[in-house]
Amino acid sequence: MFEGRGAVGYDHGYDGEFFYLGLALDPNYVEGFVQGCLERIGEDEQEDEVMLRILWEDEAEEDTVLEILKAECELRPGRPQNL
């Protein structure tokens, strides 16, 4: 069972590069997914991370950022068995 950041999807955006469609309506999962992705991006491209974080903070751009990040991941139906 995931705890902490893993419980809200952090590990999926950072390590797994998966997005679980069954959790797409859970704001905690989406937030964790985005934060994990941004951290991973920042390891290689700090400027890209900063740009995406600024966009993510703009409520009007949240969907755009989420779609950009999901495009880099494998979309899976349902939810992970660990959550």
N, C-alpha and C. Protein backbone atom coordinates (compact mmCIF):
# COMPACT_ATOMS: atom_id res chain seq x y z
N MET A 1 0.85 -1.18 0.00
CA MET A 1 0.00 0.00 0.00
C MET A 1 0.89 1.24 0.00
N PHE A 2 0.60 2.17 -0.88
CA PHE A 2 1.35 3.42 -0.93
C PHE A 2 0.99 4.28 0.27
N GLU A 3 1.94 5.06 0.73
CA GLU A 3 1.70 6.03 1.77
C GLU A 3 2.31 7.35 1.34
N GLY A 4 1.92 8.42 1.96
CA GLY A 4 2.49 9.73 1.65
C GLY A 4 2.23 10.15 0.22
N ARG A 5 3.28 10.63 -0.44
CA ARG A 5 3.11 11.14 -1.80
C ARG A 5 2.71 10.03 -2.76
N GLY A 6 3.16 8.81 -2.52
CA GLY A 6 2.78 7.70 -3.38
C GLY A 6 1.28 7.45 -3.37
N ALA A 7 0.65 7.71 -2.25
CA ALA A 7 -0.78 7.48 -2.13
C ALA A 7 -1.59 8.46 -2.97
N VAL A 8 -1.01 9.59 -3.31
CA VAL A 8 -1.75 10.56 -4.12
C VAL A 8 -1.24 10.59 -5.56
N GLY A 9 -0.51 9.55 -5.97
CA GLY A 9 -0.12 9.45 -7.35
C GLY A 9 1.28 9.91 -7.68
N TYR A 10 1.99 10.40 -6.70
CA TYR A 10 3.33 10.94 -6.95
C TYR A 10 4.20 9.92 -7.69
N ASP A 11 4.22 8.70 -7.22
CA ASP A 11 5.09 7.69 -7.81
C ASP A 11 4.72 7.41 -9.26
N HIS A 12 3.49 7.57 -9.60
CA HIS A 12 3.08 7.26 -10.97
C HIS A 12 3.59 8.31 -11.95
N GLY A 13 3.60 9.54 -11.56
CA GLY A 13 4.13 10.57 -12.44
C GLY A 13 5.64 10.57 -12.49
N TYR A 14 6.27 10.19 -11.38
CA TYR A 14 7.72 10.25 -11.32
C TYR A 14 8.37 8.97 -11.82
N ASP A 15 8.02 7.86 -11.24
CA ASP A 15 8.70 6.61 -11.56
C ASP A 15 8.04 5.80 -12.67
N GLY A 16 6.73 5.67 -12.60
CA GLY A 16 6.04 4.73 -13.48
C GLY A 16 5.71 5.25 -14.85
N GLU A 17 5.58 6.54 -15.00
CA GLU A 17 5.17 7.15 -16.25
C GLU A 17 3.87 6.56 -16.78
N PHE A 18 2.93 6.34 -15.86
CA PHE A 18 1.60 5.88 -16.20
C PHE A 18 0.59 6.90 -15.69
N PHE A 19 -0.54 7.00 -16.38
CA PHE A 19 -1.65 7.80 -15.87
C PHE A 19 -2.85 6.88 -15.84
N TYR A 20 -3.45 6.73 -14.66
CA TYR A 20 -4.58 5.83 -14.48
C TYR A 20 -5.88 6.60 -14.68
N LEU A 21 -6.58 6.28 -15.74
CA LEU A 21 -7.82 6.97 -16.08
C LEU A 21 -8.88 6.80 -15.00
N GLY A 22 -8.85 5.70 -14.28
CA GLY A 22 -9.81 5.47 -13.21
C GLY A 22 -9.64 6.42 -12.03
N LEU A 23 -8.53 7.12 -11.98
CA LEU A 23 -8.27 8.08 -10.90
C LEU A 23 -8.27 9.52 -11.39
N ALA A 24 -8.62 9.73 -12.64
CA ALA A 24 -8.54 11.05 -13.26
C ALA A 24 -9.42 12.10 -12.58
N LEU A 25 -10.45 11.68 -11.88
CA LEU A 25 -11.33 12.64 -11.21
C LEU A 25 -10.94 12.87 -9.75
N ASP A 26 -9.92 12.18 -9.30
CA ASP A 26 -9.44 12.35 -7.92
C ASP A 26 -8.40 13.48 -7.91
N PRO A 27 -8.74 14.64 -7.33
CA PRO A 27 -7.80 15.78 -7.36
C PRO A 27 -6.47 15.48 -6.69
N ASN A 28 -6.46 14.63 -5.67
CA ASN A 28 -5.20 14.27 -5.01
C ASN A 28 -4.30 13.48 -5.95
N TYR A 29 -4.90 12.55 -6.70
CA TYR A 29 -4.12 11.77 -7.65
C TYR A 29 -3.55 12.67 -8.74
N VAL A 30 -4.39 13.53 -9.30
CA VAL A 30 -3.94 14.41 -10.38
C VAL A 30 -2.82 15.33 -9.88
N GLU A 31 -2.98 15.90 -8.71
CA GLU A 31 -1.95 16.78 -8.15
C GLU A 31 -0.64 16.01 -7.96
N GLY A 32 -0.72 14.82 -7.40
CA GLY A 32 0.47 14.01 -7.20
C GLY A 32 1.12 13.61 -8.51
N PHE A 33 0.30 13.26 -9.49
CA PHE A 33 0.81 12.91 -10.81
C PHE A 33 1.57 14.08 -11.42
N VAL A 34 0.96 15.26 -11.39
CA VAL A 34 1.59 16.44 -11.98
C VAL A 34 2.88 16.78 -11.25
N GLN A 35 2.87 16.78 -9.93
CA GLN A 35 4.08 17.11 -9.17
C GLN A 35 5.20 16.11 -9.45
N GLY A 36 4.85 14.84 -9.55
CA GLY A 36 5.86 13.83 -9.87
C GLY A 36 6.45 14.04 -11.25
N CYS A 37 5.60 14.33 -12.22
CA CYS A 37 6.09 14.59 -13.57
C CYS A 37 6.99 15.82 -13.61
N LEU A 38 6.57 16.88 -12.93
CA LEU A 38 7.37 18.10 -12.95
C LEU A 38 8.73 17.90 -12.29
N GLU A 39 8.76 17.13 -11.23
CA GLU A 39 10.04 16.85 -10.58
C GLU A 39 10.94 16.06 -11.53
N ARG A 40 10.37 15.08 -12.21
CA ARG A 40 11.15 14.27 -13.16
C ARG A 40 11.67 15.15 -14.29
N ILE A 41 10.84 16.02 -14.82
CA ILE A 41 11.25 16.93 -15.90
C ILE A 41 12.37 17.84 -15.41
N GLY A 42 12.25 18.33 -14.19
CA GLY A 42 13.22 19.26 -13.63
C GLY A 42 14.61 18.67 -13.47
N GLU A 43 14.71 17.36 -13.38
CA GLU A 43 16.02 16.73 -13.27
C GLU A 43 16.85 16.95 -14.53
N ASP A 44 16.18 17.05 -15.67
CA ASP A 44 16.89 17.21 -16.94
C ASP A 44 16.74 18.61 -17.53
N GLU A 45 15.56 19.19 -17.36
CA GLU A 45 15.25 20.47 -18.01
C GLU A 45 14.59 21.41 -17.01
N GLN A 46 15.40 22.10 -16.22
CA GLN A 46 14.84 22.96 -15.18
C GLN A 46 13.97 24.08 -15.74
N GLU A 47 14.33 24.62 -16.87
CA GLU A 47 13.53 25.70 -17.45
C GLU A 47 12.14 25.20 -17.84
N ASP A 48 12.07 23.98 -18.38
CA ASP A 48 10.77 23.42 -18.74
C ASP A 48 9.92 23.19 -17.49
N GLU A 49 10.56 22.72 -16.42
CA GLU A 49 9.83 22.51 -15.18
C GLU A 49 9.24 23.82 -14.67
N VAL A 50 10.05 24.87 -14.66
CA VAL A 50 9.59 26.17 -14.17
C VAL A 50 8.43 26.68 -15.02
N MET A 51 8.55 26.57 -16.33
CA MET A 51 7.49 27.04 -17.22
C MET A 51 6.18 26.28 -16.96
N LEU A 52 6.28 24.96 -16.84
CA LEU A 52 5.07 24.16 -16.60
C LEU A 52 4.49 24.43 -15.22
N ARG A 53 5.33 24.65 -14.22
CA ARG A 53 4.82 24.98 -12.88
C ARG A 53 4.06 26.30 -12.89
N ILE A 54 4.58 27.28 -13.60
CA ILE A 54 3.88 28.56 -13.71
C ILE A 54 2.53 28.37 -14.37
N LEU A 55 2.50 27.60 -15.44
CA LEU A 55 1.22 27.32 -16.12
C LEU A 55 0.28 26.56 -15.19
N TRP A 56 0.79 25.57 -14.46
CA TRP A 56 -0.04 24.76 -13.57
C TRP A 56 -0.71 25.62 -12.49
N GLU A 57 -0.03 26.66 -12.04
CA GLU A 57 -0.59 27.54 -11.02
C GLU A 57 -1.73 28.40 -11.56
N ASP A 58 -1.85 28.53 -12.87
CA ASP A 58 -2.94 29.27 -13.51
C ASP A 58 -4.09 28.29 -13.75
N GLU A 59 -5.19 28.44 -13.01
CA GLU A 59 -6.30 27.50 -13.12
C GLU A 59 -6.79 27.31 -14.55
N ALA A 60 -6.70 28.35 -15.36
CA ALA A 60 -7.15 28.26 -16.74
C ALA A 60 -6.25 27.37 -17.58
N GLU A 61 -5.04 27.12 -17.11
CA GLU A 61 -4.07 26.32 -17.87
C GLU A 61 -3.86 24.92 -17.31
N GLU A 62 -4.52 24.58 -16.21
CA GLU A 62 -4.31 23.27 -15.59
C GLU A 62 -4.57 22.12 -16.55
N ASP A 63 -5.67 22.18 -17.30
CA ASP A 63 -5.98 21.10 -18.24
C ASP A 63 -4.92 20.98 -19.32
N THR A 64 -4.39 22.10 -19.76
CA THR A 64 -3.35 22.08 -20.79
C THR A 64 -2.11 21.37 -20.27
N VAL A 65 -1.68 21.72 -19.07
CA VAL A 65 -0.50 21.10 -18.48
C VAL A 65 -0.74 19.61 -18.28
N LEU A 66 -1.90 19.25 -17.78
CA LEU A 66 -2.21 17.84 -17.55
C LEU A 66 -2.15 17.06 -18.87
N GLU A 67 -2.70 17.61 -19.93
CA GLU A 67 -2.68 16.91 -21.23
C GLU A 67 -1.26 16.78 -21.76
N ILE A 68 -0.43 17.79 -21.57
CA ILE A 68 0.97 17.72 -21.99
C ILE A 68 1.68 16.58 -21.26
N LEU A 69 1.47 16.50 -19.96
CA LEU A 69 2.13 15.48 -19.16
C LEU A 69 1.59 14.08 -19.46
N LYS A 70 0.29 13.97 -19.65
CA LYS A 70 -0.31 12.67 -19.97
C LYS A 70 0.19 12.16 -21.31
N ALA A 71 0.49 13.06 -22.24
CA ALA A 71 0.95 12.65 -23.56
C ALA A 71 2.28 11.90 -23.50
N GLU A 72 3.03 12.13 -22.44
CA GLU A 72 4.33 11.47 -22.26
C GLU A 72 4.22 10.16 -21.50
N CYS A 73 3.00 9.79 -21.09
CA CYS A 73 2.80 8.61 -20.26
C CYS A 73 1.91 7.60 -20.97
N GLU A 74 1.98 6.39 -20.46
CA GLU A 74 1.06 5.36 -20.91
C GLU A 74 -0.25 5.53 -20.15
N LEU A 75 -1.35 5.62 -20.88
CA LEU A 75 -2.66 5.73 -20.24
C LEU A 75 -3.16 4.33 -19.94
N ARG A 76 -3.60 4.12 -18.72
CA ARG A 76 -4.11 2.81 -18.31
C ARG A 76 -5.52 2.98 -17.75
N PRO A 77 -6.40 2.07 -18.11
CA PRO A 77 -7.76 2.15 -17.55
C PRO A 77 -7.73 1.74 -16.08
N GLY A 78 -8.79 2.03 -15.39
CA GLY A 78 -8.91 1.59 -14.01
C GLY A 78 -7.97 2.32 -13.08
N ARG A 79 -7.52 1.59 -12.08
CA ARG A 79 -6.63 2.16 -11.08
C ARG A 79 -5.60 1.11 -10.72
N PRO A 80 -4.45 1.52 -10.22
CA PRO A 80 -3.42 0.55 -9.84
C PRO A 80 -3.92 -0.31 -8.69
N GLN A 81 -3.45 -1.52 -8.63
CA GLN A 81 -3.90 -2.43 -7.58
C GLN A 81 -3.40 -2.02 -6.20
N ASN A 82 -2.36 -1.20 -6.14
CA ASN A 82 -1.80 -0.78 -4.86
C ASN A 82 -2.61 0.31 -4.19
N LEU A 83 -3.47 1.01 -4.94
CA LEU A 83 -4.22 2.14 -4.35
C LEU A 83 -5.58 1.70 -3.93
